């Protein structure tokens, strides 16, 4: 029988949301994403957005927009985290 670990895997949906997915950890998530973007985009604020949006037709899958971000230049964009 495999033993349960004591740590949360940030590469799972549960782990990522547990570590980064709440308002008290918002600044940590902004810093993490800005590091990933390496200056291509710079986030100054984000809103956790757990709503589902349907595609334009029935055969499209639903999309979950996890984060609505505002860049330092006023640009707004969506970040959806997925493990591929």
PDB file of N, CA and C in Angstrom:
ATOM      1  N   UNK A   1       0.845  -1.177   0.000  1.00  0.00           N
ATOM      2  CA  UNK A   1       0.000   0.000   0.000  1.00  0.00           C
ATOM      3  C   UNK A   1       0.891   1.242   0.000  1.00  0.00           C
ATOM      4  N   UNK A   2       0.578   2.198  -0.858  1.00  0.00           N
ATOM      5  CA  UNK A   2       1.349   3.440  -0.946  1.00  0.00           C
ATOM      6  C   UNK A   2       1.018   4.327   0.250  1.00  0.00           C
ATOM      7  N   UNK A   3       2.033   4.968   0.788  1.00  0.00           N
ATOM      8  CA  UNK A   3       1.799   5.868   1.922  1.00  0.00           C
ATOM      9  C   UNK A   3       1.447   7.261   1.420  1.00  0.00           C
ATOM     10  N   UNK A   4       0.662   7.949   2.190  1.00  0.00           N
ATOM     11  CA  UNK A   4       0.265   9.313   1.854  1.00  0.00           C
ATOM     12  C   UNK A   4       1.406  10.258   2.192  1.00  0.00           C
ATOM     13  N   UNK A   5       1.698  11.171   1.296  1.00  0.00           N
ATOM     14  CA  UNK A   5       2.726  12.170   1.545  1.00  0.00           C
ATOM     15  C   UNK A   5       2.217  13.277   2.450  1.00  0.00           C
ATOM     16  N   UNK A   6       3.134  14.075   2.940  1.00  0.00           N
ATOM     17  CA  UNK A   6       2.783  15.172   3.827  1.00  0.00           C
ATOM     18  C   UNK A   6       2.694  16.497   3.085  1.00  0.00           C
ATOM     19  N   UNK A   7       2.951  16.479   1.809  1.00  0.00           N
ATOM     20  CA  UNK A   7       3.041  17.717   1.050  1.00  0.00           C
ATOM     21  C   UNK A   7       1.969  17.772  -0.034  1.00  0.00           C
ATOM     22  N   UNK A   8       1.662  18.977  -0.476  1.00  0.00           N
ATOM     23  CA  UNK A   8       0.684  19.183  -1.547  1.00  0.00           C
ATOM     24  C   UNK A   8       1.445  19.322  -2.861  1.00  0.00           C
ATOM     25  N   UNK A   9       1.008  18.595  -3.878  1.00  0.00           N
ATOM     26  CA  UNK A   9       1.624  18.672  -5.205  1.00  0.00           C
ATOM     27  C   UNK A   9       1.046  19.882  -5.947  1.00  0.00           C
ATOM     28  N   UNK A  10       1.844  20.931  -6.191  1.00  0.00           N
ATOM     29  CA  UNK A  10       1.323  22.120  -6.870  1.00  0.00           C
ATOM     30  C   UNK A  10       1.030  21.898  -8.350  1.00  0.00           C
ATOM     31  N   UNK A  11       1.396  20.733  -8.887  1.00  0.00           N
ATOM     32  CA  UNK A  11       1.150  20.452 -10.297  1.00  0.00           C
ATOM     33  C   UNK A  11      -0.208  19.803 -10.532  1.00  0.00           C
ATOM     34  N   UNK A  12      -0.962  19.563  -9.475  1.00  0.00           N
ATOM     35  CA  UNK A  12      -2.329  19.065  -9.630  1.00  0.00           C
ATOM     36  C   UNK A  12      -3.285  20.246  -9.510  1.00  0.00           C
ATOM     37  N   UNK A  13      -4.498  20.084 -10.039  1.00  0.00           N
ATOM     38  CA  UNK A  13      -5.496  21.143  -9.944  1.00  0.00           C
ATOM     39  C   UNK A  13      -5.791  21.449  -8.476  1.00  0.00           C
ATOM     40  N   UNK A  14      -5.984  20.401  -7.680  1.00  0.00           N
ATOM     41  CA  UNK A  14      -6.256  20.588  -6.247  1.00  0.00           C
ATOM     42  C   UNK A  14      -5.106  21.318  -5.563  1.00  0.00           C
ATOM     43  N   UNK A  15      -3.884  20.859  -5.810  1.00  0.00           N
ATOM     44  CA  UNK A  15      -2.720  21.449  -5.154  1.00  0.00           C
ATOM     45  C   UNK A  15      -2.509  22.901  -5.535  1.00  0.00           C
ATOM     46  N   UNK A  16      -2.637  23.198  -6.827  1.00  0.00           N
ATOM     47  CA  UNK A  16      -2.435  24.576  -7.283  1.00  0.00           C
ATOM     48  C   UNK A  16      -3.465  25.503  -6.651  1.00  0.00           C
ATOM     49  N   UNK A  17      -4.732  25.075  -6.673  1.00  0.00           N
ATOM     50  CA  UNK A  17      -5.787  25.915  -6.100  1.00  0.00           C
ATOM     51  C   UNK A  17      -5.650  26.027  -4.588  1.00  0.00           C
ATOM     52  N   UNK A  18      -5.176  24.981  -3.928  1.00  0.00           N
ATOM     53  CA  UNK A  18      -4.991  25.023  -2.478  1.00  0.00           C
ATOM     54  C   UNK A  18      -3.884  26.009  -2.104  1.00  0.00           C
ATOM     55  N   UNK A  19      -2.814  26.043  -2.898  1.00  0.00           N
ATOM     56  CA  UNK A  19      -1.682  26.930  -2.605  1.00  0.00           C
ATOM     57  C   UNK A  19      -1.950  28.358  -3.065  1.00  0.00           C
ATOM     58  N   UNK A  20      -2.431  28.520  -4.291  1.00  0.00           N
ATOM     59  CA  UNK A  20      -2.538  29.848  -4.898  1.00  0.00           C
ATOM     60  C   UNK A  20      -3.964  30.375  -5.037  1.00  0.00           C
ATOM     61  N   UNK A  21      -4.966  29.535  -4.812  1.00  0.00           N
ATOM     62  CA  UNK A  21      -6.329  29.873  -5.206  1.00  0.00           C
ATOM     63  C   UNK A  21      -7.182  30.594  -4.193  1.00  0.00           C
ATOM     64  N   UNK A  22      -6.587  31.389  -3.328  1.00  0.00           N
ATOM     65  CA  UNK A  22      -7.412  32.132  -2.372  1.00  0.00           C
ATOM     66  C   UNK A  22      -6.856  33.538  -2.187  1.00  0.00           C
ATOM     67  N   UNK A  23      -7.725  34.419  -1.802  1.00  0.00           N
ATOM     68  CA  UNK A  23      -7.389  35.844  -1.671  1.00  0.00           C
ATOM     69  C   UNK A  23      -6.148  36.113  -0.796  1.00  0.00           C
ATOM     70  N   UNK A  24      -5.950  35.405   0.328  1.00  0.00           N
ATOM     71  CA  UNK A  24      -4.748  35.683   1.126  1.00  0.00           C
ATOM     72  C   UNK A  24      -3.427  35.398   0.389  1.00  0.00           C
ATOM     73  N   UNK A  25      -3.471  34.542  -0.640  1.00  0.00           N
ATOM     74  CA  UNK A  25      -2.257  34.199  -1.394  1.00  0.00           C
ATOM     75  C   UNK A  25      -2.181  34.900  -2.750  1.00  0.00           C
ATOM     76  N   UNK A  26      -2.999  35.912  -2.935  1.00  0.00           N
ATOM     77  CA  UNK A  26      -3.080  36.620  -4.210  1.00  0.00           C
ATOM     78  C   UNK A  26      -1.733  37.225  -4.627  1.00  0.00           C
ATOM     79  N   UNK A  27      -1.051  37.879  -3.716  1.00  0.00           N
ATOM     80  CA  UNK A  27       0.243  38.498  -4.049  1.00  0.00           C
ATOM     81  C   UNK A  27       1.284  37.441  -4.430  1.00  0.00           C
ATOM     82  N   UNK A  28       1.234  36.280  -3.778  1.00  0.00           N
ATOM     83  CA  UNK A  28       2.132  35.176  -4.114  1.00  0.00           C
ATOM     84  C   UNK A  28       1.871  34.685  -5.533  1.00  0.00           C
ATOM     85  N   UNK A  29       0.591  34.553  -5.893  1.00  0.00           N
ATOM     86  CA  UNK A  29       0.235  34.115  -7.241  1.00  0.00           C
ATOM     87  C   UNK A  29       0.657  35.145  -8.283  1.00  0.00           C
ATOM     88  N   UNK A  30       0.453  36.422  -8.007  1.00  0.00           N
ATOM     89  CA  UNK A  30       0.872  37.478  -8.945  1.00  0.00           C
ATOM     90  C   UNK A  30       2.384  37.401  -9.168  1.00  0.00           C
ATOM     91  N   UNK A  31       3.148  37.249  -8.103  1.00  0.00           N
ATOM     92  CA  UNK A  31       4.609  37.149  -8.224  1.00  0.00           C
ATOM     93  C   UNK A  31       5.004  35.912  -9.025  1.00  0.00           C
ATOM     94  N   UNK A  32       4.341  34.789  -8.771  1.00  0.00           N
ATOM     95  CA  UNK A  32       4.621  33.546  -9.496  1.00  0.00           C
ATOM     96  C   UNK A  32       4.349  33.707 -10.991  1.00  0.00           C
ATOM     97  N   UNK A  33       3.174  34.239 -11.342  1.00  0.00           N
ATOM     98  CA  UNK A  33       2.832  34.413 -12.752  1.00  0.00           C
ATOM     99  C   UNK A  33       3.748  35.422 -13.440  1.00  0.00           C
ATOM    100  N   UNK A  34       4.069  36.512 -12.767  1.00  0.00           N
ATOM    101  CA  UNK A  34       4.980  37.498 -13.364  1.00  0.00           C
ATOM    102  C   UNK A  34       6.347  36.878 -13.641  1.00  0.00           C
ATOM    103  N   UNK A  35       6.786  35.989 -12.778  1.00  0.00           N
ATOM    104  CA  UNK A  35       8.055  35.304 -13.011  1.00  0.00           C
ATOM    105  C   UNK A  35       7.963  34.392 -14.229  1.00  0.00           C
ATOM    106  N   UNK A  36       6.827  33.706 -14.380  1.00  0.00           N
ATOM    107  CA  UNK A  36       6.631  32.843 -15.548  1.00  0.00           C
ATOM    108  C   UNK A  36       6.584  33.645 -16.843  1.00  0.00           C
ATOM    109  N   UNK A  37       5.940  34.810 -16.814  1.00  0.00           N
ATOM    110  CA  UNK A  37       5.805  35.644 -18.015  1.00  0.00           C
ATOM    111  C   UNK A  37       7.109  36.320 -18.418  1.00  0.00           C
ATOM    112  N   UNK A  38       8.060  36.434 -17.497  1.00  0.00           N
ATOM    113  CA  UNK A  38       9.387  37.014 -17.778  1.00  0.00           C
ATOM    114  C   UNK A  38       9.303  38.358 -18.500  1.00  0.00           C
ATOM    115  N   UNK A  39       8.355  39.218 -18.088  1.00  0.00           N
ATOM    116  CA  UNK A  39       8.251  40.554 -18.651  1.00  0.00           C
ATOM    117  C   UNK A  39       7.377  40.675 -19.883  1.00  0.00           C
ATOM    118  N   UNK A  40       6.965  39.544 -20.477  1.00  0.00           N
ATOM    119  CA  UNK A  40       6.074  39.628 -21.654  1.00  0.00           C
ATOM    120  C   UNK A  40       4.742  40.244 -21.270  1.00  0.00           C
ATOM    121  N   UNK A  41       4.294  39.953 -20.065  1.00  0.00           N
ATOM    122  CA  UNK A  41       3.126  40.584 -19.453  1.00  0.00           C
ATOM    123  C   UNK A  41       3.499  40.803 -17.993  1.00  0.00           C
ATOM    124  N   UNK A  42       2.969  41.868 -17.407  1.00  0.00           N
ATOM    125  CA  UNK A  42       3.207  42.131 -15.989  1.00  0.00           C
ATOM    126  C   UNK A  42       1.851  42.364 -15.336  1.00  0.00           C
ATOM    127  N   UNK A  43       1.506  41.480 -14.416  1.00  0.00           N
ATOM    128  CA  UNK A  43       0.215  41.555 -13.732  1.00  0.00           C
ATOM    129  C   UNK A  43       0.331  42.487 -12.539  1.00  0.00           C
ATOM    130  N   UNK A  44      -0.615  43.427 -12.432  1.00  0.00           N
ATOM    131  CA  UNK A  44      -0.656  44.272 -11.239  1.00  0.00           C
ATOM    132  C   UNK A  44      -1.803  43.877 -10.325  1.00  0.00           C
ATOM    133  N   UNK A  45      -2.840  43.214 -10.877  1.00  0.00           N
ATOM    134  CA  UNK A  45      -3.962  42.763 -10.061  1.00  0.00           C
ATOM    135  C   UNK A  45      -4.624  41.581 -10.756  1.00  0.00           C
ATOM    136  N   UNK A  46      -5.311  40.762  -9.970  1.00  0.00           N
ATOM    137  CA  UNK A  46      -6.072  39.660 -10.550  1.00  0.00           C
ATOM    138  C   UNK A  46      -7.316  39.419  -9.720  1.00  0.00           C
ATOM    139  N   UNK A  47      -8.303  38.789 -10.380  1.00  0.00           N
ATOM    140  CA  UNK A  47      -9.558  38.444  -9.730  1.00  0.00           C
ATOM    141  C   UNK A  47      -9.770  36.949  -9.948  1.00  0.00           C
ATOM    142  N   UNK A  48     -10.023  36.221  -8.865  1.00  0.00           N
ATOM    143  CA  UNK A  48     -10.366  34.807  -8.977  1.00  0.00           C
ATOM    144  C   UNK A  48     -11.758  34.717  -9.577  1.00  0.00           C
ATOM    145  N   UNK A  49     -11.888  33.963 -10.653  1.00  0.00           N
ATOM    146  CA  UNK A  49     -13.126  33.951 -11.422  1.00  0.00           C
ATOM    147  C   UNK A  49     -13.538  32.505 -11.690  1.00  0.00           C
ATOM    148  N   UNK A  50     -14.244  31.850 -10.760  1.00  0.00           N
ATOM    149  CA  UNK A  50     -14.558  30.432 -10.909  1.00  0.00           C
ATOM    150  C   UNK A  50     -15.758  30.103 -11.789  1.00  0.00           C
ATOM    151  N   UNK A  51     -16.214  31.026 -12.605  1.00  0.00           N
ATOM    152  CA  UNK A  51     -17.399  30.765 -13.427  1.00  0.00           C
ATOM    153  C   UNK A  51     -17.065  29.896 -14.630  1.00  0.00           C
ATOM    154  N   UNK A  52     -18.080  29.173 -15.121  1.00  0.00           N
ATOM    155  CA  UNK A  52     -17.936  28.390 -16.348  1.00  0.00           C
ATOM    156  C   UNK A  52     -18.578  29.158 -17.485  1.00  0.00           C
ATOM    157  N   UNK A  53     -17.947  29.110 -18.654  1.00  0.00           N
ATOM    158  CA  UNK A  53     -18.490  29.761 -19.841  1.00  0.00           C
ATOM    159  C   UNK A  53     -18.639  28.720 -20.932  1.00  0.00           C
ATOM    160  N   UNK A  54     -19.816  28.631 -21.521  1.00  0.00           N
ATOM    161  CA  UNK A  54     -20.049  27.692 -22.606  1.00  0.00           C
ATOM    162  C   UNK A  54     -19.491  28.257 -23.904  1.00  0.00           C
ATOM    163  N   UNK A  55     -19.112  27.368 -24.790  1.00  0.00           N
ATOM    164  CA  UNK A  55     -18.645  27.783 -26.098  1.00  0.00           C
ATOM    165  C   UNK A  55     -19.802  28.310 -26.938  1.00  0.00           C
ATOM    166  N   UNK A  56     -19.509  28.780 -28.171  1.00  0.00           N
ATOM    167  CA  UNK A  56     -20.538  29.381 -29.010  1.00  0.00           C
ATOM    168  C   UNK A  56     -21.562  28.374 -29.556  1.00  0.00           C
ATOM    169  N   UNK A  57     -21.286  27.072 -29.453  1.00  0.00           N
ATOM    170  CA  UNK A  57     -22.233  26.056 -29.923  1.00  0.00           C
ATOM    171  C   UNK A  57     -22.229  24.886 -28.934  1.00  0.00           C
ATOM    172  N   UNK A  58     -23.262  24.037 -29.006  1.00  0.00           N
ATOM    173  CA  UNK A  58     -23.403  22.945 -28.043  1.00  0.00           C
ATOM    174  C   UNK A  58     -22.221  21.973 -28.051  1.00  0.00           C
ATOM    175  N   UNK A  59     -21.587  21.762 -29.214  1.00  0.00           N
ATOM    176  CA  UNK A  59     -20.514  20.764 -29.286  1.00  0.00           C
ATOM    177  C   UNK A  59     -19.187  21.271 -28.720  1.00  0.00           C
ATOM    178  N   UNK A  60     -19.096  22.558 -28.373  1.00  0.00           N
ATOM    179  CA  UNK A  60     -17.895  23.081 -27.740  1.00  0.00           C
ATOM    180  C   UNK A  60     -17.895  22.711 -26.267  1.00  0.00           C
ATOM    181  N   UNK A  61     -16.722  22.426 -25.724  1.00  0.00           N
ATOM    182  CA  UNK A  61     -16.655  22.120 -24.304  1.00  0.00           C
ATOM    183  C   UNK A  61     -16.762  23.400 -23.491  1.00  0.00           C
ATOM    184  N   UNK A  62     -17.065  23.252 -22.231  1.00  0.00           N
ATOM    185  CA  UNK A  62     -17.111  24.411 -21.356  1.00  0.00           C
ATOM    186  C   UNK A  62     -15.685  24.826 -21.020  1.00  0.00           C
ATOM    187  N   UNK A  63     -15.501  26.099 -20.864  1.00  0.00           N
ATOM    188  CA  UNK A  63     -14.209  26.642 -20.496  1.00  0.00           C
ATOM    189  C   UNK A  63     -14.329  27.255 -19.121  1.00  0.00           C
ATOM    190  N   UNK A  64     -13.351  27.013 -18.283  1.00  0.00           N
ATOM    191  CA  UNK A  64     -13.342  27.615 -16.962  1.00  0.00           C
ATOM    192  C   UNK A  64     -12.235  28.660 -16.936  1.00  0.00           C
ATOM    193  N   UNK A  65     -12.606  29.908 -16.748  1.00  0.00           N
ATOM    194  CA  UNK A  65     -11.631  30.981 -16.649  1.00  0.00           C
ATOM    195  C   UNK A  65     -11.261  31.135 -15.184  1.00  0.00           C
ATOM    196  N   UNK A  66     -10.067  30.745 -14.838  1.00  0.00           N
ATOM    197  CA  UNK A  66      -9.654  30.770 -13.449  1.00  0.00           C
ATOM    198  C   UNK A  66      -9.287  32.160 -12.954  1.00  0.00           C
ATOM    199  N   UNK A  67      -8.621  32.953 -13.783  1.00  0.00           N
ATOM    200  CA  UNK A  67      -8.115  34.251 -13.336  1.00  0.00           C
ATOM    201  C   UNK A  67      -8.359  35.336 -14.375  1.00  0.00           C
ATOM    202  N   UNK A  68      -8.916  36.445 -13.957  1.00  0.00           N
ATOM    203  CA  UNK A  68      -9.010  37.629 -14.803  1.00  0.00           C
ATOM    204  C   UNK A  68      -7.931  38.582 -14.302  1.00  0.00           C
ATOM    205  N   UNK A  69      -6.994  38.919 -15.171  1.00  0.00           N
ATOM    206  CA  UNK A  69      -5.826  39.702 -14.774  1.00  0.00           C
ATOM    207  C   UNK A  69      -5.850  41.096 -15.393  1.00  0.00           C
ATOM    208  N   UNK A  70      -5.251  42.040 -14.686  1.00  0.00           N
ATOM    209  CA  UNK A  70      -5.034  43.391 -15.192  1.00  0.00           C
ATOM    210  C   UNK A  70      -3.534  43.635 -15.193  1.00  0.00           C
ATOM    211  N   UNK A  71      -3.026  44.021 -16.357  1.00  0.00           N
ATOM    212  CA  UNK A  71      -1.608  44.299 -16.485  1.00  0.00           C
ATOM    213  C   UNK A  71      -1.268  45.716 -16.055  1.00  0.00           C
ATOM    214  N   UNK A  72       0.008  45.995 -15.941  1.00  0.00           N
ATOM    215  CA  UNK A  72       0.449  47.319 -15.516  1.00  0.00           C
ATOM    216  C   UNK A  72       0.079  48.400 -16.522  1.00  0.00           C
ATOM    217  N   UNK A  73      -0.163  48.007 -17.788  1.00  0.00           N
ATOM    218  CA  UNK A  73      -0.546  48.973 -18.815  1.00  0.00           C
ATOM    219  C   UNK A  73      -2.061  49.109 -18.955  1.00  0.00           C
ATOM    220  N   UNK A  74      -2.830  48.483 -18.035  1.00  0.00           N
ATOM    221  CA  UNK A  74      -4.287  48.555 -18.087  1.00  0.00           C
ATOM    222  C   UNK A  74      -4.937  47.449 -18.900  1.00  0.00           C
ATOM    223  N   UNK A  75      -4.134  46.669 -19.606  1.00  0.00           N
ATOM    224  CA  UNK A  75      -4.645  45.550 -20.401  1.00  0.00           C
ATOM    225  C   UNK A  75      -5.306  44.521 -19.485  1.00  0.00           C
ATOM    226  N   UNK A  76      -6.420  43.932 -19.938  1.00  0.00           N
ATOM    227  CA  UNK A  76      -7.039  42.837 -19.194  1.00  0.00           C
ATOM    228  C   UNK A  76      -6.902  41.560 -20.010  1.00  0.00           C
ATOM    229  N   UNK A  77      -6.652  40.463 -19.311  1.00  0.00           N
ATOM    230  CA  UNK A  77      -6.507  39.172 -19.974  1.00  0.00           C
ATOM    231  C   UNK A  77      -6.845  38.065 -18.988  1.00  0.00           C
ATOM    232  N   UNK A  78      -7.081  36.888 -19.518  1.00  0.00           N
ATOM    233  CA  UNK A  78      -7.484  35.733 -18.716  1.00  0.00           C
ATOM    234  C   UNK A  78      -6.335  34.737 -18.689  1.00  0.00           C
ATOM    235  N   UNK A  79      -6.107  34.149 -17.520  1.00  0.00           N
ATOM    236  CA  UNK A  79      -5.130  33.085 -17.360  1.00  0.00           C
ATOM    237  C   UNK A  79      -5.880  31.856 -16.876  1.00  0.00           C
ATOM    238  N   UNK A  80      -5.752  30.766 -17.623  1.00  0.00           N
ATOM    239  CA  UNK A  80      -6.338  29.490 -17.212  1.00  0.00           C
ATOM    240  C   UNK A  80      -5.190  28.527 -16.991  1.00  0.00           C
ATOM    241  N   UNK A  81      -5.122  27.970 -15.827  1.00  0.00           N
ATOM    242  CA  UNK A  81      -4.050  27.039 -15.493  1.00  0.00           C
ATOM    243  C   UNK A  81      -4.471  25.625 -15.848  1.00  0.00           C
ATOM    244  N   UNK A  82      -3.604  24.910 -16.596  1.00  0.00           N
ATOM    245  CA  UNK A  82      -3.871  23.529 -16.965  1.00  0.00           C
ATOM    246  C   UNK A  82      -2.576  22.750 -16.913  1.00  0.00           C
ATOM    247  N   UNK A  83      -2.690  21.501 -16.541  1.00  0.00           N
ATOM    248  CA  UNK A  83      -1.544  20.600 -16.602  1.00  0.00           C
ATOM    249  C   UNK A  83      -1.708  19.756 -17.862  1.00  0.00           C
ATOM    250  N   UNK A  84      -0.709  19.797 -18.725  1.00  0.00           N
ATOM    251  CA  UNK A  84      -0.804  19.053 -19.990  1.00  0.00           C
ATOM    252  C   UNK A  84       0.062  17.810 -19.942  1.00  0.00           C
TER     253      UNK A  84
END
